[in-house]
Amino acid sequence: MLRELVRWTELLETWIPTDVTPTSFCEEQLLQQARLLLAGTWPPRGS
């Protein structure tokens, strides 16, 4: 779960206007991963 959160954060941070994936998609994936993280057990596992 943490890896996916980091992955989408990195994609959004390195996004350039010529990328095929729109920022809105990256943002939604990032929010979805954050929601899953917050809804899970604490502390989260690194997987």
PDB file of N, CA and C in Angstrom:
ATOM      1  N   MET A   1       0.817  -1.189   0.000  1.00  0.00           N
ATOM      2  CA  MET A   1       0.000   0.000   0.000  1.00  0.00           C
ATOM      3  C   MET A   1       0.869   1.265   0.000  1.00  0.00           C
ATOM      4  N   LEU A   2       1.894   1.280   0.811  1.00  0.00           N
ATOM      5  CA  LEU A   2       2.781   2.437   0.842  1.00  0.00           C
ATOM      6  C   LEU A   2       3.517   2.613  -0.484  1.00  0.00           C
ATOM      7  N   ARG A   3       3.873   1.505  -1.092  1.00  0.00           N
ATOM      8  CA  ARG A   3       4.579   1.588  -2.381  1.00  0.00           C
ATOM      9  C   ARG A   3       3.716   2.250  -3.445  1.00  0.00           C
ATOM     10  N   GLU A   4       2.443   1.905  -3.453  1.00  0.00           N
ATOM     11  CA  GLU A   4       1.529   2.505  -4.425  1.00  0.00           C
ATOM     12  C   GLU A   4       1.362   3.997  -4.165  1.00  0.00           C
ATOM     13  N   LEU A   5       1.293   4.380  -2.913  1.00  0.00           N
ATOM     14  CA  LEU A   5       1.182   5.790  -2.559  1.00  0.00           C
ATOM     15  C   LEU A   5       2.423   6.557  -3.039  1.00  0.00           C
ATOM     16  N   VAL A   6       3.575   5.989  -2.809  1.00  0.00           N
ATOM     17  CA  VAL A   6       4.827   6.615  -3.260  1.00  0.00           C
ATOM     18  C   VAL A   6       4.886   6.649  -4.780  1.00  0.00           C
ATOM     19  N   ARG A   7       4.479   5.583  -5.415  1.00  0.00           N
ATOM     20  CA  ARG A   7       4.515   5.507  -6.884  1.00  0.00           C
ATOM     21  C   ARG A   7       3.670   6.607  -7.520  1.00  0.00           C
ATOM     22  N   TRP A   8       2.436   6.777  -7.046  1.00  0.00           N
ATOM     23  CA  TRP A   8       1.560   7.798  -7.617  1.00  0.00           C
ATOM     24  C   TRP A   8       2.047   9.203  -7.282  1.00  0.00           C
ATOM     25  N   THR A   9       2.638   9.366  -6.110  1.00  0.00           N
ATOM     26  CA  THR A   9       3.207  10.668  -5.746  1.00  0.00           C
ATOM     27  C   THR A   9       4.350  11.022  -6.690  1.00  0.00           C
ATOM     28  N   GLU A  10       5.210  10.062  -6.955  1.00  0.00           N
ATOM     29  CA  GLU A  10       6.330  10.295  -7.868  1.00  0.00           C
ATOM     30  C   GLU A  10       5.851  10.597  -9.286  1.00  0.00           C
ATOM     31  N   LEU A  11       4.844   9.870  -9.737  1.00  0.00           N
ATOM     32  CA  LEU A  11       4.307  10.131 -11.080  1.00  0.00           C
ATOM     33  C   LEU A  11       3.740  11.543 -11.173  1.00  0.00           C
ATOM     34  N   LEU A  12       3.047  11.963 -10.153  1.00  0.00           N
ATOM     35  CA  LEU A  12       2.468  13.301 -10.156  1.00  0.00           C
ATOM     36  C   LEU A  12       3.548  14.374 -10.069  1.00  0.00           C
ATOM     37  N   GLU A  13       4.567  14.135  -9.270  1.00  0.00           N
ATOM     38  CA  GLU A  13       5.646  15.118  -9.121  1.00  0.00           C
ATOM     39  C   GLU A  13       6.484  15.277 -10.379  1.00  0.00           C
ATOM     40  N   THR A  14       6.587  14.226 -11.172  1.00  0.00           N
ATOM     41  CA  THR A  14       7.418  14.281 -12.381  1.00  0.00           C
ATOM     42  C   THR A  14       6.595  14.457 -13.653  1.00  0.00           C
ATOM     43  N   TRP A  15       5.306  14.714 -13.498  1.00  0.00           N
ATOM     44  CA  TRP A  15       4.415  14.864 -14.650  1.00  0.00           C
ATOM     45  C   TRP A  15       4.844  16.035 -15.512  1.00  0.00           C
ATOM     46  N   ILE A  16       4.798  15.818 -16.829  1.00  0.00           N
ATOM     47  CA  ILE A  16       5.076  16.901 -17.773  1.00  0.00           C
ATOM     48  C   ILE A  16       3.893  16.972 -18.743  1.00  0.00           C
ATOM     49  N   PRO A  17       3.673  18.122 -19.372  1.00  0.00           N
ATOM     50  CA  PRO A  17       2.500  18.293 -20.241  1.00  0.00           C
ATOM     51  C   PRO A  17       2.366  17.280 -21.374  1.00  0.00           C
ATOM     52  N   THR A  18       3.441  16.644 -21.785  1.00  0.00           N
ATOM     53  CA  THR A  18       3.348  15.680 -22.887  1.00  0.00           C
ATOM     54  C   THR A  18       3.041  14.258 -22.403  1.00  0.00           C
ATOM     55  N   ASP A  19       2.890  14.057 -21.092  1.00  0.00           N
ATOM     56  CA  ASP A  19       2.547  12.728 -20.581  1.00  0.00           C
ATOM     57  C   ASP A  19       1.156  12.311 -21.059  1.00  0.00           C
ATOM     58  N   VAL A  20       0.987  11.020 -21.291  1.00  0.00           N
ATOM     59  CA  VAL A  20      -0.286  10.472 -21.753  1.00  0.00           C
ATOM     60  C   VAL A  20      -1.317  10.461 -20.622  1.00  0.00           C
ATOM     61  N   THR A  21      -0.882  10.163 -19.417  1.00  0.00           N
ATOM     62  CA  THR A  21      -1.785  10.079 -18.272  1.00  0.00           C
ATOM     63  C   THR A  21      -2.058  11.482 -17.733  1.00  0.00           C
ATOM     64  N   PRO A  22      -3.326  11.887 -17.660  1.00  0.00           N
ATOM     65  CA  PRO A  22      -3.628  13.230 -17.150  1.00  0.00           C
ATOM     66  C   PRO A  22      -3.362  13.339 -15.643  1.00  0.00           C
ATOM     67  N   THR A  23      -3.057  14.534 -15.189  1.00  0.00           N
ATOM     68  CA  THR A  23      -2.795  14.734 -13.755  1.00  0.00           C
ATOM     69  C   THR A  23      -4.007  14.358 -12.923  1.00  0.00           C
ATOM     70  N   SER A  24      -5.196  14.585 -13.442  1.00  0.00           N
ATOM     71  CA  SER A  24      -6.404  14.271 -12.672  1.00  0.00           C
ATOM     72  C   SER A  24      -6.470  12.779 -12.335  1.00  0.00           C
ATOM     73  N   PHE A  25      -6.019  11.931 -13.254  1.00  0.00           N
ATOM     74  CA  PHE A  25      -6.007  10.491 -12.986  1.00  0.00           C
ATOM     75  C   PHE A  25      -4.998  10.162 -11.896  1.00  0.00           C
ATOM     76  N   CYS A  26      -3.805  10.752 -11.981  1.00  0.00           N
ATOM     77  CA  CYS A  26      -2.785  10.534 -10.956  1.00  0.00           C
ATOM     78  C   CYS A  26      -3.276  11.016  -9.593  1.00  0.00           C
ATOM     79  N   GLU A  27      -3.912  12.179  -9.584  1.00  0.00           N
ATOM     80  CA  GLU A  27      -4.428  12.731  -8.328  1.00  0.00           C
ATOM     81  C   GLU A  27      -5.483  11.820  -7.716  1.00  0.00           C
ATOM     82  N   GLU A  28      -6.362  11.286  -8.540  1.00  0.00           N
ATOM     83  CA  GLU A  28      -7.409  10.398  -8.021  1.00  0.00           C
ATOM     84  C   GLU A  28      -6.804   9.110  -7.462  1.00  0.00           C
ATOM     85  N   GLN A  29      -5.813   8.566  -8.152  1.00  0.00           N
ATOM     86  CA  GLN A  29      -5.150   7.362  -7.655  1.00  0.00           C
ATOM     87  C   GLN A  29      -4.431   7.638  -6.336  1.00  0.00           C
ATOM     88  N   LEU A  30      -3.808   8.783  -6.244  1.00  0.00           N
ATOM     89  CA  LEU A  30      -3.119   9.186  -5.021  1.00  0.00           C
ATOM     90  C   LEU A  30      -4.112   9.323  -3.868  1.00  0.00           C
ATOM     91  N   LEU A  31      -5.239   9.964  -4.109  1.00  0.00           N
ATOM     92  CA  LEU A  31      -6.263  10.105  -3.076  1.00  0.00           C
ATOM     93  C   LEU A  31      -6.831   8.759  -2.654  1.00  0.00           C
ATOM     94  N   GLN A  32      -7.048   7.878  -3.621  1.00  0.00           N
ATOM     95  CA  GLN A  32      -7.565   6.546  -3.318  1.00  0.00           C
ATOM     96  C   GLN A  32      -6.586   5.773  -2.429  1.00  0.00           C
ATOM     97  N   GLN A  33      -5.305   5.838  -2.742  1.00  0.00           N
ATOM     98  CA  GLN A  33      -4.303   5.151  -1.937  1.00  0.00           C
ATOM     99  C   GLN A  33      -4.221   5.755  -0.528  1.00  0.00           C
ATOM    100  N   ALA A  34      -4.335   7.064  -0.440  1.00  0.00           N
ATOM    101  CA  ALA A  34      -4.315   7.725   0.872  1.00  0.00           C
ATOM    102  C   ALA A  34      -5.519   7.302   1.710  1.00  0.00           C
ATOM    103  N   ARG A  35      -6.674   7.202   1.088  1.00  0.00           N
ATOM    104  CA  ARG A  35      -7.881   6.751   1.811  1.00  0.00           C
ATOM    105  C   ARG A  35      -7.703   5.322   2.324  1.00  0.00           C
ATOM    106  N   LEU A  36      -7.148   4.464   1.493  1.00  0.00           N
ATOM    107  CA  LEU A  36      -6.916   3.083   1.913  1.00  0.00           C
ATOM    108  C   LEU A  36      -5.933   3.030   3.084  1.00  0.00           C
ATOM    109  N   LEU A  37      -4.904   3.840   3.014  1.00  0.00           N
ATOM    110  CA  LEU A  37      -3.910   3.889   4.080  1.00  0.00           C
ATOM    111  C   LEU A  37      -4.545   4.349   5.388  1.00  0.00           C
ATOM    112  N   LEU A  38      -5.325   5.401   5.323  1.00  0.00           N
ATOM    113  CA  LEU A  38      -5.958   5.937   6.533  1.00  0.00           C
ATOM    114  C   LEU A  38      -7.021   4.998   7.104  1.00  0.00           C
ATOM    115  N   ALA A  39      -7.646   4.214   6.255  1.00  0.00           N
ATOM    116  CA  ALA A  39      -8.682   3.295   6.715  1.00  0.00           C
ATOM    117  C   ALA A  39      -8.109   1.998   7.286  1.00  0.00           C
ATOM    118  N   GLY A  40      -6.834   1.747   7.046  1.00  0.00           N
ATOM    119  CA  GLY A  40      -6.219   0.505   7.479  1.00  0.00           C
ATOM    120  C   GLY A  40      -5.684   0.554   8.893  1.00  0.00           C
ATOM    121  N   THR A  41      -4.983  -0.496   9.250  1.00  0.00           N
ATOM    122  CA  THR A  41      -4.390  -0.588  10.578  1.00  0.00           C
ATOM    123  C   THR A  41      -3.180   0.327  10.683  1.00  0.00           C
ATOM    124  N   TRP A  42      -2.840   0.665  11.895  1.00  0.00           N
ATOM    125  CA  TRP A  42      -1.696   1.547  12.131  1.00  0.00           C
ATOM    126  C   TRP A  42      -0.740   0.881  13.076  1.00  0.00           C
ATOM    127  N   PRO A  43       0.529   0.865  12.816  1.00  0.00           N
ATOM    128  CA  PRO A  43       1.194   1.470  11.669  1.00  0.00           C
ATOM    129  C   PRO A  43       1.007   0.611  10.424  1.00  0.00           C
ATOM    130  N   PRO A  44       1.050   1.246   9.260  1.00  0.00           N
ATOM    131  CA  PRO A  44       0.878   0.496   8.014  1.00  0.00           C
ATOM    132  C   PRO A  44       2.074  -0.396   7.735  1.00  0.00           C
ATOM    133  N   ARG A  45       1.831  -1.437   6.983  1.00  0.00           N
ATOM    134  CA  ARG A  45       2.929  -2.304   6.556  1.00  0.00           C
ATOM    135  C   ARG A  45       3.504  -1.762   5.265  1.00  0.00           C
ATOM    136  N   GLY A  46       4.758  -2.047   5.013  1.00  0.00           N
ATOM    137  CA  GLY A  46       5.468  -1.518   3.849  1.00  0.00           C
ATOM    138  C   GLY A  46       5.125  -2.148   2.532  1.00  0.00           C
ATOM    139  N   SER A  47       4.172  -3.044   2.452  1.00  0.00           N
ATOM    140  CA  SER A  47       3.860  -3.706   1.188  1.00  0.00           C
ATOM    141  C   SER A  47       2.918  -2.925   0.331  1.00  0.00           C
TER     142      SER A  47
END
